Amino acid sequence: MANTPSAKKATRKIAHRTEVNRARRARTRTYLRAVEDAIVAGDAVAAQTALAIAAPELARAAQKGVVHRNVAARKISRLTKSVRKLGG
């Protein structure tokens, strides 16, 4: 248990950042799922639209430290490749 005022404040800050990061990660996953669902359905237009929304969101998550920047780059690259393969 935190004893000093600074440790108590640090605990509060960590709890707040955890909530923010959890929400950001969930939002990112939602956008990624939309792209993946469109790819599986074979809908090139929907996949391209979803990717245009998901890529900046994933880059923002990497910038904020929610995911590693290489993970974000890899996911964007692989999704872009899959969308291009659909013909979109």
N, C-alpha and C. Protein backbone atom coordinates (compact mmCIF):
# COMPACT_ATOMS: atom_id res chain seq x y z
N MET A 1 0.85 -1.18 0.00
CA MET A 1 0.00 0.00 0.00
C MET A 1 0.89 1.24 0.00
N ALA A 2 0.48 2.23 -0.76
CA ALA A 2 1.25 3.47 -0.85
C ALA A 2 1.12 4.26 0.45
N ASN A 3 2.23 4.77 0.94
CA ASN A 3 2.24 5.51 2.19
C ASN A 3 2.43 7.00 1.98
N THR A 4 3.35 7.38 1.11
CA THR A 4 3.64 8.80 0.94
C THR A 4 2.61 9.43 -0.01
N PRO A 5 2.42 10.73 0.13
CA PRO A 5 1.47 11.42 -0.76
C PRO A 5 1.84 11.27 -2.24
N SER A 6 3.13 11.29 -2.53
CA SER A 6 3.54 11.17 -3.93
C SER A 6 3.24 9.77 -4.46
N ALA A 7 3.38 8.76 -3.62
CA ALA A 7 3.08 7.38 -4.04
C ALA A 7 1.58 7.20 -4.24
N LYS A 8 0.79 7.85 -3.38
CA LYS A 8 -0.67 7.78 -3.54
C LYS A 8 -1.11 8.45 -4.83
N LYS A 9 -0.50 9.58 -5.13
CA LYS A 9 -0.82 10.28 -6.38
C LYS A 9 -0.40 9.44 -7.58
N ALA A 10 0.76 8.82 -7.50
CA ALA A 10 1.24 7.96 -8.59
C ALA A 10 0.26 6.82 -8.83
N THR A 11 -0.28 6.25 -7.76
CA THR A 11 -1.26 5.18 -7.89
C THR A 11 -2.51 5.67 -8.60
N ARG A 12 -2.97 6.88 -8.25
CA ARG A 12 -4.15 7.45 -8.92
C ARG A 12 -3.88 7.68 -10.39
N LYS A 13 -2.69 8.21 -10.70
CA LYS A 13 -2.33 8.48 -12.10
C LYS A 13 -2.26 7.20 -12.91
N ILE A 14 -1.68 6.16 -12.32
CA ILE A 14 -1.56 4.88 -13.01
C ILE A 14 -2.95 4.32 -13.32
N ALA A 15 -3.85 4.41 -12.34
CA ALA A 15 -5.21 3.90 -12.55
C ALA A 15 -5.91 4.65 -13.67
N HIS A 16 -5.72 5.95 -13.72
CA HIS A 16 -6.35 6.76 -14.77
C HIS A 16 -5.77 6.41 -16.14
N ARG A 17 -4.44 6.32 -16.23
CA ARG A 17 -3.80 5.99 -17.50
C ARG A 17 -4.20 4.60 -17.98
N THR A 18 -4.37 3.67 -17.02
CA THR A 18 -4.78 2.31 -17.37
C THR A 18 -6.14 2.34 -18.05
N GLU A 19 -7.06 3.12 -17.51
CA GLU A 19 -8.40 3.24 -18.10
C GLU A 19 -8.34 3.85 -19.49
N VAL A 20 -7.56 4.90 -19.64
CA VAL A 20 -7.42 5.57 -20.94
C VAL A 20 -6.83 4.61 -21.97
N ASN A 21 -5.77 3.91 -21.56
CA ASN A 21 -5.11 2.97 -22.48
C ASN A 21 -6.02 1.80 -22.84
N ARG A 22 -6.80 1.33 -21.87
CA ARG A 22 -7.73 0.23 -22.13
C ARG A 22 -8.78 0.65 -23.15
N ALA A 23 -9.29 1.87 -23.00
CA ALA A 23 -10.29 2.37 -23.95
C ALA A 23 -9.68 2.55 -25.34
N ARG A 24 -8.47 3.07 -25.39
CA ARG A 24 -7.81 3.29 -26.68
C ARG A 24 -7.52 1.96 -27.37
N ARG A 25 -7.08 0.96 -26.60
CA ARG A 25 -6.79 -0.36 -27.17
C ARG A 25 -8.08 -1.00 -27.69
N ALA A 26 -9.17 -0.86 -26.94
CA ALA A 26 -10.45 -1.43 -27.37
C ALA A 26 -10.94 -0.77 -28.66
N ARG A 27 -10.80 0.55 -28.73
CA ARG A 27 -11.23 1.28 -29.94
C ARG A 27 -10.40 0.85 -31.15
N THR A 28 -9.10 0.67 -30.94
CA THR A 28 -8.22 0.23 -32.01
C THR A 28 -8.62 -1.16 -32.49
N ARG A 29 -8.89 -2.06 -31.55
CA ARG A 29 -9.28 -3.42 -31.91
C ARG A 29 -10.60 -3.42 -32.69
N THR A 30 -11.51 -2.54 -32.32
CA THR A 30 -12.80 -2.45 -33.03
C THR A 30 -12.58 -2.07 -34.48
N TYR A 31 -11.73 -1.08 -34.73
CA TYR A 31 -11.46 -0.66 -36.10
C TYR A 31 -10.74 -1.76 -36.89
N LEU A 32 -9.81 -2.45 -36.24
CA LEU A 32 -9.10 -3.54 -36.91
C LEU A 32 -10.07 -4.67 -37.26
N ARG A 33 -11.00 -4.96 -36.36
CA ARG A 33 -11.97 -6.01 -36.61
C ARG A 33 -12.85 -5.66 -37.81
N ALA A 34 -13.18 -4.39 -37.95
CA ALA A 34 -14.00 -3.97 -39.09
C ALA A 34 -13.27 -4.22 -40.40
N VAL A 35 -11.98 -3.94 -40.43
CA VAL A 35 -11.18 -4.19 -41.65
C VAL A 35 -11.12 -5.69 -41.92
N GLU A 36 -10.83 -6.47 -40.89
CA GLU A 36 -10.70 -7.92 -41.07
C GLU A 36 -12.01 -8.55 -41.51
N ASP A 37 -13.13 -8.08 -40.97
CA ASP A 37 -14.44 -8.61 -41.36
C ASP A 37 -14.74 -8.29 -42.82
N ALA A 38 -14.38 -7.07 -43.26
CA ALA A 38 -14.61 -6.70 -44.65
C ALA A 38 -13.73 -7.53 -45.59
N ILE A 39 -12.51 -7.83 -45.16
CA ILE A 39 -11.61 -8.66 -45.98
C ILE A 39 -12.18 -10.07 -46.11
N VAL A 40 -12.64 -10.63 -44.99
CA VAL A 40 -13.21 -11.98 -45.01
C VAL A 40 -14.46 -12.02 -45.89
N ALA A 41 -15.26 -10.97 -45.82
CA ALA A 41 -16.48 -10.91 -46.64
C ALA A 41 -16.16 -10.69 -48.11
N GLY A 42 -14.96 -10.24 -48.41
CA GLY A 42 -14.57 -10.01 -49.80
C GLY A 42 -15.05 -8.68 -50.34
N ASP A 43 -15.42 -7.77 -49.46
CA ASP A 43 -15.93 -6.46 -49.88
C ASP A 43 -14.75 -5.47 -49.94
N ALA A 44 -14.26 -5.23 -51.15
CA ALA A 44 -13.06 -4.41 -51.33
C ALA A 44 -13.30 -2.95 -50.93
N VAL A 45 -14.46 -2.41 -51.28
CA VAL A 45 -14.76 -1.00 -50.99
C VAL A 45 -14.86 -0.79 -49.48
N ALA A 46 -15.59 -1.68 -48.81
CA ALA A 46 -15.73 -1.56 -47.36
C ALA A 46 -14.40 -1.76 -46.66
N ALA A 47 -13.58 -2.69 -47.18
CA ALA A 47 -12.28 -2.94 -46.58
C ALA A 47 -11.38 -1.72 -46.71
N GLN A 48 -11.40 -1.08 -47.87
CA GLN A 48 -10.56 0.09 -48.08
C GLN A 48 -11.01 1.25 -47.20
N THR A 49 -12.32 1.42 -47.08
CA THR A 49 -12.86 2.48 -46.22
C THR A 49 -12.49 2.23 -44.76
N ALA A 50 -12.65 0.99 -44.32
CA ALA A 50 -12.33 0.64 -42.94
C ALA A 50 -10.85 0.80 -42.66
N LEU A 51 -10.02 0.45 -43.65
CA LEU A 51 -8.57 0.59 -43.48
C LEU A 51 -8.18 2.07 -43.37
N ALA A 52 -8.84 2.92 -44.13
CA ALA A 52 -8.54 4.35 -44.08
C ALA A 52 -8.85 4.93 -42.70
N ILE A 53 -9.80 4.32 -42.01
CA ILE A 53 -10.13 4.76 -40.65
C ILE A 53 -9.22 4.10 -39.62
N ALA A 54 -8.91 2.81 -39.85
CA ALA A 54 -8.15 2.04 -38.86
C ALA A 54 -6.67 2.41 -38.81
N ALA A 55 -6.07 2.70 -39.96
CA ALA A 55 -4.63 2.96 -40.00
C ALA A 55 -4.22 4.15 -39.13
N PRO A 56 -4.89 5.31 -39.24
CA PRO A 56 -4.51 6.42 -38.35
C PRO A 56 -4.77 6.11 -36.88
N GLU A 57 -5.83 5.36 -36.61
CA GLU A 57 -6.13 5.01 -35.22
C GLU A 57 -5.03 4.12 -34.64
N LEU A 58 -4.55 3.19 -35.45
CA LEU A 58 -3.47 2.31 -35.01
C LEU A 58 -2.17 3.08 -34.84
N ALA A 59 -1.90 4.01 -35.74
CA ALA A 59 -0.70 4.84 -35.62
C ALA A 59 -0.78 5.71 -34.37
N ARG A 60 -1.95 6.21 -34.06
CA ARG A 60 -2.14 7.03 -32.87
C ARG A 60 -1.92 6.19 -31.61
N ALA A 61 -2.40 4.95 -31.62
CA ALA A 61 -2.19 4.06 -30.48
C ALA A 61 -0.70 3.81 -30.27
N ALA A 62 0.04 3.66 -31.38
CA ALA A 62 1.48 3.47 -31.27
C ALA A 62 2.15 4.73 -30.73
N GLN A 63 1.71 5.87 -31.19
CA GLN A 63 2.28 7.13 -30.74
C GLN A 63 2.05 7.34 -29.25
N LYS A 64 0.89 6.90 -28.76
CA LYS A 64 0.56 7.06 -27.35
C LYS A 64 1.15 5.95 -26.48
N GLY A 65 1.78 4.95 -27.12
CA GLY A 65 2.43 3.90 -26.35
C GLY A 65 1.52 2.74 -25.98
N VAL A 66 0.35 2.66 -26.58
CA VAL A 66 -0.56 1.56 -26.26
C VAL A 66 -0.07 0.28 -26.93
N VAL A 67 0.41 0.40 -28.16
CA VAL A 67 1.05 -0.74 -28.85
C VAL A 67 2.42 -0.27 -29.32
N HIS A 68 3.32 -1.21 -29.53
CA HIS A 68 4.66 -0.87 -30.01
C HIS A 68 4.56 -0.37 -31.44
N ARG A 69 5.42 0.56 -31.81
CA ARG A 69 5.33 1.15 -33.15
C ARG A 69 5.58 0.14 -34.25
N ASN A 70 6.44 -0.85 -33.98
CA ASN A 70 6.68 -1.88 -35.00
C ASN A 70 5.46 -2.77 -35.18
N VAL A 71 4.74 -3.03 -34.10
CA VAL A 71 3.51 -3.82 -34.18
C VAL A 71 2.48 -3.07 -35.02
N ALA A 72 2.35 -1.78 -34.78
CA ALA A 72 1.40 -0.98 -35.54
C ALA A 72 1.77 -0.96 -37.02
N ALA A 73 3.05 -0.75 -37.31
CA ALA A 73 3.50 -0.72 -38.70
C ALA A 73 3.26 -2.07 -39.37
N ARG A 74 3.53 -3.14 -38.67
CA ARG A 74 3.34 -4.48 -39.23
C ARG A 74 1.86 -4.75 -39.53
N LYS A 75 0.99 -4.38 -38.59
CA LYS A 75 -0.44 -4.61 -38.80
C LYS A 75 -0.98 -3.77 -39.96
N ILE A 76 -0.57 -2.51 -40.02
CA ILE A 76 -1.01 -1.65 -41.12
C ILE A 76 -0.53 -2.22 -42.44
N SER A 77 0.72 -2.67 -42.48
CA SER A 77 1.30 -3.21 -43.71
C SER A 77 0.54 -4.47 -44.16
N ARG A 78 0.30 -5.36 -43.24
CA ARG A 78 -0.38 -6.62 -43.59
C ARG A 78 -1.83 -6.38 -44.00
N LEU A 79 -2.50 -5.49 -43.31
CA LEU A 79 -3.89 -5.18 -43.69
C LEU A 79 -3.94 -4.52 -45.06
N THR A 80 -3.02 -3.60 -45.33
CA THR A 80 -2.96 -2.93 -46.62
C THR A 80 -2.72 -3.94 -47.73
N LYS A 81 -1.82 -4.87 -47.48
CA LYS A 81 -1.53 -5.92 -48.46
C LYS A 81 -2.78 -6.77 -48.73
N SER A 82 -3.52 -7.12 -47.68
CA SER A 82 -4.73 -7.93 -47.84
C SER A 82 -5.81 -7.17 -48.60
N VAL A 83 -5.94 -5.88 -48.32
CA VAL A 83 -6.95 -5.06 -49.00
C VAL A 83 -6.59 -4.92 -50.48
N ARG A 84 -5.32 -4.72 -50.76
CA ARG A 84 -4.88 -4.60 -52.16
C ARG A 84 -5.13 -5.90 -52.92
N LYS A 85 -4.96 -7.02 -52.22
CA LYS A 85 -5.17 -8.33 -52.86
C LYS A 85 -6.64 -8.50 -53.27
N LEU A 86 -7.55 -7.85 -52.52
CA LEU A 86 -8.98 -7.91 -52.87
C LEU A 86 -9.26 -7.14 -54.16
N GLY A 87 -8.37 -6.22 -54.50
CA GLY A 87 -8.59 -5.41 -55.68
C GLY A 87 -9.08 -4.01 -55.34
N GLY A 88 -8.94 -3.66 -54.05
CA GLY A 88 -9.43 -2.38 -53.62
C GLY A 88 -8.39 -1.41 -53.48
